[in-house]
Amino acid sequence: MNANKHIITIVISLLVAYIGFYPIYACNKAPIEQYTRADSKELVEQQISVNAIALGLMDILFFYDQETEESTALHKSQAMGGQLTNIEDIVPIIKFLTTDGWWINGQTIFADGGYTTR
């Protein structure tokens, strides 16, 4: 990559959620946080920022056959407005990280309406 570029990895915030039923997902996605930190240090001299955005649950990315009406309602109840994340909620964050937020580096930003907290 050329200097002054950005790497943004998209994950779902379940990687840190303290909730049953998804431990394998969390174990598989957790290394992304370490990758983000490690690569941000490796690429800092080239002025390449590396960040991750942990989305809240989304209909299009998450709900598989094992979900029930009750589990869907539970997930919705855990975030602001009782709703799942929409892609429109995330686009401004990506734009910010690639423009005015260029100084943010090595972070996992949880944009999930409060579904998880850190």
C-alpha atoms as a PDB file:
ATOM      1  CA  MET A   1       0.000   0.000   0.000  1.00  0.00           C
ATOM      2  CA  ASN A   2       1.027   3.567  -0.540  1.00  0.00           C
ATOM      3  CA  ALA A   3       1.501   5.948   2.369  1.00  0.00           C
ATOM      4  CA  ASN A   4      -1.457   7.767   3.879  1.00  0.00           C
ATOM      5  CA  LYS A   5      -3.877   4.885   3.335  1.00  0.00           C
ATOM      6  CA  HIS A   6      -6.218   3.090   5.704  1.00  0.00           C
ATOM      7  CA  ILE A   7      -7.032  -0.512   6.515  1.00  0.00           C
ATOM      8  CA  ILE A   8     -10.429  -0.938   8.152  1.00  0.00           C
ATOM      9  CA  THR A   9     -11.594  -4.411   9.146  1.00  0.00           C
ATOM     10  CA  ILE A  10     -15.286  -4.986   9.764  1.00  0.00           C
ATOM     11  CA  VAL A  11     -16.359  -7.471  12.442  1.00  0.00           C
ATOM     12  CA  ILE A  12     -19.465  -8.014  14.543  1.00  0.00           C
ATOM     13  CA  SER A  13     -19.316  -6.979  18.187  1.00  0.00           C
ATOM     14  CA  LEU A  14     -20.132 -10.529  19.301  1.00  0.00           C
ATOM     15  CA  LEU A  15     -16.379 -10.993  19.463  1.00  0.00           C
ATOM     16  CA  VAL A  16     -16.548  -9.546  22.988  1.00  0.00           C
ATOM     17  CA  ALA A  17     -20.191 -10.118  23.924  1.00  0.00           C
ATOM     18  CA  TYR A  18     -20.717 -12.093  27.107  1.00  0.00           C
ATOM     19  CA  ILE A  19     -23.553 -14.151  25.725  1.00  0.00           C
ATOM     20  CA  GLY A  20     -24.039 -17.828  25.127  1.00  0.00           C
ATOM     21  CA  PHE A  21     -24.511 -19.629  21.842  1.00  0.00           C
ATOM     22  CA  TYR A  22     -21.706 -17.865  19.939  1.00  0.00           C
ATOM     23  CA  PRO A  23     -18.386 -18.889  21.539  1.00  0.00           C
ATOM     24  CA  ILE A  24     -16.917 -20.334  18.334  1.00  0.00           C
ATOM     25  CA  TYR A  25     -17.697 -17.133  16.459  1.00  0.00           C
ATOM     26  CA  ALA A  26     -16.050 -15.053  19.182  1.00  0.00           C
ATOM     27  CA  CYS A  27     -12.947 -17.271  19.226  1.00  0.00           C
ATOM     28  CA  ASN A  28     -12.567 -17.011  15.473  1.00  0.00           C
ATOM     29  CA  LYS A  29     -12.955 -13.227  15.348  1.00  0.00           C
ATOM     30  CA  ALA A  30     -10.992 -12.220  18.455  1.00  0.00           C
ATOM     31  CA  PRO A  31      -7.610 -12.382  16.646  1.00  0.00           C
ATOM     32  CA  ILE A  32      -8.737  -9.464  14.479  1.00  0.00           C
ATOM     33  CA  GLU A  33      -8.195  -7.155  17.443  1.00  0.00           C
ATOM     34  CA  GLN A  34      -4.619  -8.350  17.836  1.00  0.00           C
ATOM     35  CA  TYR A  35      -4.023  -8.096  14.085  1.00  0.00           C
ATOM     36  CA  THR A  36      -5.302  -4.518  14.191  1.00  0.00           C
ATOM     37  CA  ARG A  37      -2.931  -3.552  17.002  1.00  0.00           C
ATOM     38  CA  ALA A  38       0.060  -5.389  15.558  1.00  0.00           C
ATOM     39  CA  ASP A  39      -0.297  -4.125  12.004  1.00  0.00           C
ATOM     40  CA  SER A  40      -0.947  -0.588  13.188  1.00  0.00           C
ATOM     41  CA  LYS A  41       2.550  -0.611  14.731  1.00  0.00           C
ATOM     42  CA  GLU A  42       4.101  -2.286  11.711  1.00  0.00           C
ATOM     43  CA  LEU A  43       2.629   0.193   9.245  1.00  0.00           C
ATOM     44  CA  VAL A  44       2.840   3.409  11.269  1.00  0.00           C
ATOM     45  CA  GLU A  45       6.083   4.493   9.596  1.00  0.00           C
ATOM     46  CA  GLN A  46       4.356   4.235   6.214  1.00  0.00           C
ATOM     47  CA  GLN A  47       1.504   6.373   7.597  1.00  0.00           C
ATOM     48  CA  ILE A  48      -1.002   3.600   7.057  1.00  0.00           C
ATOM     49  CA  SER A  49      -3.666   3.435   9.752  1.00  0.00           C
ATOM     50  CA  VAL A  50      -5.194   0.113  10.744  1.00  0.00           C
ATOM     51  CA  ASN A  51      -8.477  -0.034  12.631  1.00  0.00           C
ATOM     52  CA  ALA A  52     -11.423  -2.354  13.102  1.00  0.00           C
ATOM     53  CA  ILE A  53     -15.079  -1.499  13.430  1.00  0.00           C
ATOM     54  CA  ALA A  54     -17.166  -3.914  15.472  1.00  0.00           C
ATOM     55  CA  LEU A  55     -20.728  -3.569  14.229  1.00  0.00           C
ATOM     56  CA  GLY A  56     -23.799  -4.352  16.174  1.00  0.00           C
ATOM     57  CA  LEU A  57     -25.857  -7.265  14.990  1.00  0.00           C
ATOM     58  CA  MET A  58     -27.358  -6.826  11.543  1.00  0.00           C
ATOM     59  CA  ASP A  59     -30.090  -8.786   9.803  1.00  0.00           C
ATOM     60  CA  ILE A  60     -27.970  -9.194   6.690  1.00  0.00           C
ATOM     61  CA  LEU A  61     -24.846 -10.343   8.519  1.00  0.00           C
ATOM     62  CA  PHE A  62     -26.021 -12.291  11.477  1.00  0.00           C
ATOM     63  CA  PHE A  63     -29.319 -14.067  11.762  1.00  0.00           C
ATOM     64  CA  TYR A  64     -29.028 -17.670  10.750  1.00  0.00           C
ATOM     65  CA  ASP A  65     -31.483 -20.537  10.999  1.00  0.00           C
ATOM     66  CA  GLN A  66     -30.834 -21.062  14.722  1.00  0.00           C
ATOM     67  CA  GLU A  67     -32.302 -17.675  15.633  1.00  0.00           C
ATOM     68  CA  THR A  68     -35.820 -17.577  17.020  1.00  0.00           C
ATOM     69  CA  GLU A  69     -38.246 -14.703  17.416  1.00  0.00           C
ATOM     70  CA  GLU A  70     -37.306 -14.623  21.091  1.00  0.00           C
ATOM     71  CA  SER A  71     -33.547 -14.476  20.482  1.00  0.00           C
ATOM     72  CA  THR A  72     -34.007 -11.806  17.826  1.00  0.00           C
ATOM     73  CA  ALA A  73     -36.093  -9.748  20.256  1.00  0.00           C
ATOM     74  CA  LEU A  74     -33.406 -10.192  22.932  1.00  0.00           C
ATOM     75  CA  HIS A  75     -30.657  -8.961  20.599  1.00  0.00           C
ATOM     76  CA  LYS A  76     -32.740  -5.971  19.551  1.00  0.00           C
ATOM     77  CA  SER A  77     -33.490  -5.096  23.178  1.00  0.00           C
ATOM     78  CA  GLN A  78     -29.779  -4.834  23.994  1.00  0.00           C
ATOM     79  CA  ALA A  79     -29.093  -1.813  21.750  1.00  0.00           C
ATOM     80  CA  MET A  80     -30.345   1.755  21.563  1.00  0.00           C
ATOM     81  CA  GLY A  81     -33.783   2.146  20.099  1.00  0.00           C
ATOM     82  CA  GLY A  82     -34.412  -1.599  20.303  1.00  0.00           C
ATOM     83  CA  GLN A  83     -33.029  -2.055  16.828  1.00  0.00           C
ATOM     84  CA  LEU A  84     -30.267  -3.834  15.001  1.00  0.00           C
ATOM     85  CA  THR A  85     -27.422  -1.970  13.316  1.00  0.00           C
ATOM     86  CA  ASN A  86     -28.057  -0.547   9.865  1.00  0.00           C
ATOM     87  CA  ILE A  87     -25.271  -0.037   7.361  1.00  0.00           C
ATOM     88  CA  GLU A  88     -26.199   3.657   7.355  1.00  0.00           C
ATOM     89  CA  ASP A  89     -25.040   3.751  10.997  1.00  0.00           C
ATOM     90  CA  ILE A  90     -21.545   2.631   9.997  1.00  0.00           C
ATOM     91  CA  VAL A  91     -20.799   4.565   6.811  1.00  0.00           C
ATOM     92  CA  PRO A  92     -20.107   7.878   8.652  1.00  0.00           C
ATOM     93  CA  ILE A  93     -17.582   6.126  10.904  1.00  0.00           C
ATOM     94  CA  ILE A  94     -15.709   4.729   7.916  1.00  0.00           C
ATOM     95  CA  LYS A  95     -15.712   8.135   6.243  1.00  0.00           C
ATOM     96  CA  PHE A  96     -14.401   9.727   9.431  1.00  0.00           C
ATOM     97  CA  LEU A  97     -11.573   7.205   9.822  1.00  0.00           C
ATOM     98  CA  THR A  98     -10.440   7.843   6.263  1.00  0.00           C
ATOM     99  CA  THR A  99     -10.580  11.653   6.511  1.00  0.00           C
ATOM    100  CA  ASP A 100     -10.598  13.717   9.705  1.00  0.00           C
ATOM    101  CA  GLY A 101      -9.990  10.626  11.852  1.00  0.00           C
ATOM    102  CA  TRP A 102      -6.718   9.745  10.131  1.00  0.00           C
ATOM    103  CA  TRP A 103      -4.931  10.020  13.489  1.00  0.00           C
ATOM    104  CA  ILE A 104      -6.915   7.119  14.998  1.00  0.00           C
ATOM    105  CA  ASN A 105      -4.795   3.998  14.711  1.00  0.00           C
ATOM    106  CA  GLY A 106      -4.737   0.495  16.196  1.00  0.00           C
ATOM    107  CA  GLN A 107      -8.268   0.660  17.561  1.00  0.00           C
ATOM    108  CA  THR A 108     -11.345  -1.509  17.527  1.00  0.00           C
ATOM    109  CA  ILE A 109     -14.293   0.850  17.536  1.00  0.00           C
ATOM    110  CA  PHE A 110     -17.512  -0.672  18.812  1.00  0.00           C
ATOM    111  CA  ALA A 111     -20.392   0.836  16.848  1.00  0.00           C
ATOM    112  CA  ASP A 112     -23.213  -1.311  18.096  1.00  0.00           C
ATOM    113  CA  GLY A 113     -25.691   0.982  19.824  1.00  0.00           C
ATOM    114  CA  GLY A 114     -24.526  -0.158  23.242  1.00  0.00           C
ATOM    115  CA  TYR A 115     -24.970  -3.892  22.601  1.00  0.00           C
ATOM    116  CA  THR A 116     -21.535  -4.329  24.153  1.00  0.00           C
ATOM    117  CA  THR A 117     -19.500  -2.016  26.325  1.00  0.00           C
ATOM    118  CA  ARG A 118     -15.800  -1.795  27.065  1.00  0.00           C
END
